[in-house]
Protein backbone atom coordinates (compact mmCIF):
# COMPACT_ATOMS: atom_id res chain seq x y z
CA PHE A 1 -10.43 8.21 -27.87
CA ALA A 2 -12.83 9.95 -30.34
CA GLU A 3 -15.91 8.16 -31.96
CA PRO A 4 -15.82 5.51 -32.97
CA HIS A 5 -12.72 4.25 -31.08
CA ASN A 6 -14.14 5.02 -27.58
CA LYS A 7 -16.27 1.97 -27.23
CA TRP A 8 -15.03 -1.73 -26.75
CA HIS A 9 -16.98 -2.89 -29.84
CA ALA A 10 -17.21 0.00 -31.95
CA CYS A 11 -14.00 -0.68 -33.80
CA ALA A 12 -11.26 -3.36 -34.47
CA PRO A 13 -8.50 -3.79 -31.97
CA ARG A 14 -6.13 -3.00 -34.79
CA ASP A 15 -7.50 0.28 -35.61
CA LEU A 16 -6.50 1.36 -32.26
CA LEU A 17 -2.84 0.63 -32.97
CA ARG A 18 -3.17 3.31 -35.91
CA GLU A 19 -4.37 5.89 -33.67
CA ASP A 20 -2.17 8.86 -32.40
CA VAL A 21 -2.43 8.60 -28.82
CA SER A 22 -0.51 11.66 -28.44
CA GLN A 23 -3.44 13.78 -28.99
CA VAL A 24 -5.76 11.81 -26.65
CA GLU A 25 -7.61 14.05 -24.21
CA PHE A 26 -8.05 12.34 -20.71
CA ARG A 27 -11.11 13.16 -18.83
CA VAL A 28 -13.01 12.00 -15.75
CA ALA A 29 -15.98 9.64 -16.31
CA ASP A 30 -19.15 11.32 -15.05
CA ASP A 31 -19.80 8.37 -12.48
CA LYS A 32 -16.16 9.12 -11.30
CA LEU A 33 -16.42 12.64 -10.68
CA PRO A 34 -17.19 12.28 -6.75
CA LEU A 35 -13.95 10.31 -6.40
CA LYS A 36 -12.09 13.10 -8.37
CA GLN A 37 -13.49 15.87 -5.83
CA GLN A 38 -12.46 13.76 -2.99
CA LEU A 39 -8.97 13.30 -4.34
CA GLU A 40 -8.87 17.14 -5.03
CA GLN A 41 -10.08 17.83 -1.65
CA GLU A 42 -7.42 15.73 -0.12
CA ALA A 43 -4.45 17.37 -2.30
CA ARG A 44 -5.66 21.06 -1.11
CA GLN A 45 -5.86 19.76 2.68
CA ASN A 46 -2.73 17.92 2.95
CA ASP A 47 0.98 18.03 2.13
CA TRP A 48 1.63 14.60 1.28
CA LEU A 49 -0.63 11.70 0.13
CA VAL A 50 0.24 7.88 0.00
CA LEU A 51 -1.41 5.93 -2.91
CA TRP A 52 -2.32 2.38 -1.95
CA LEU A 53 -2.70 0.67 -5.13
CA ASP A 54 -1.89 -2.84 -6.91
CA CYS A 55 1.73 -3.23 -7.49
CA ASP A 56 1.51 -3.61 -11.17
CA ARG A 57 1.94 -1.53 -14.19
CA GLU A 58 -1.98 -0.88 -14.10
CA GLY A 59 -1.62 0.13 -10.41
CA GLU A 60 1.19 2.60 -11.59
CA ALA A 61 -0.91 3.98 -14.19
CA ILE A 62 -3.71 4.71 -11.92
CA ALA A 63 -1.44 6.27 -9.55
CA TYR A 64 -0.29 8.72 -12.19
CA GLU A 65 -3.88 9.66 -13.13
CA VAL A 66 -4.24 10.31 -9.45
CA VAL A 67 -0.81 12.43 -9.42
CA ASP A 68 -2.21 14.37 -12.48
CA VAL A 69 -5.69 15.23 -10.58
CA CYS A 70 -3.71 16.19 -7.35
CA ARG A 71 -1.19 18.08 -8.74
CA LYS A 72 -3.32 20.35 -10.69
CA LYS A 73 -5.01 21.45 -7.21
CA LYS A 74 -1.75 21.47 -5.26
CA ALA A 75 1.57 21.49 -7.24
CA SER A 76 3.81 21.07 -4.32
CA LEU A 77 1.96 17.99 -2.99
CA ASP A 78 4.19 15.20 -2.01
CA LEU A 79 3.14 11.67 -3.33
CA TYR A 80 4.24 8.26 -2.37
CA ARG A 81 3.17 4.82 -3.30
CA ALA A 82 3.00 1.99 -1.01
CA VAL A 83 4.16 -1.30 -2.90
CA PHE A 84 2.63 -4.69 -1.74
CA SER A 85 1.11 -7.67 -3.49
CA SER A 86 -0.78 -9.18 -0.04
CA VAL A 87 -3.19 -7.70 2.48
CA ASP A 88 -1.98 -8.96 5.63
CA LYS A 89 -0.19 -7.04 8.63
CA GLN A 90 3.65 -8.14 7.45
CA SER A 91 2.95 -6.85 4.05
CA ILE A 92 1.20 -4.03 4.84
CA GLN A 93 3.81 -2.65 7.55
CA GLN A 94 6.58 -3.39 5.20
CA ALA A 95 4.85 -1.17 2.53
CA TRP A 96 4.55 1.51 4.98
CA ARG A 97 8.16 1.25 5.94
CA SER A 98 9.51 1.34 2.23
CA LEU A 99 7.32 3.91 0.59
CA GLN A 100 8.49 4.75 -3.10
CA ARG A 101 7.64 7.45 -5.63
CA PRO A 102 5.19 6.38 -8.39
CA ASP A 103 7.35 5.36 -11.32
CA LYS A 104 6.40 7.00 -14.73
CA ARG A 105 8.27 4.50 -16.69
CA LYS A 106 6.10 1.67 -15.34
CA ALA A 107 3.07 3.68 -15.90
CA ASP A 108 3.91 4.75 -19.58
CA ALA A 109 4.40 0.70 -20.20
CA VAL A 110 0.59 0.22 -19.87
């Protein structure tokens, strides 16, 4: 969002509901540029990537941010999402065996 809507306490939350989000330009924060560069490098060097993020809508939204960054570097990159809710051996193995595509509908619901 543009000023004054780009800071947590700069405007009332109700004002954000009136904003036209179709014109919002997404950019990577300066402190996250090394992560973006790493993702771009992985995209260039690989044919496919698996995203291991939380299995909620926010995780799906983050997955689509990663998809956007990676596909700008390599449009043919194949992306999958590991879905898990517990970090134990059985859950991780099950997630690996049942990889899914990121779900745009869930990402848009955030």
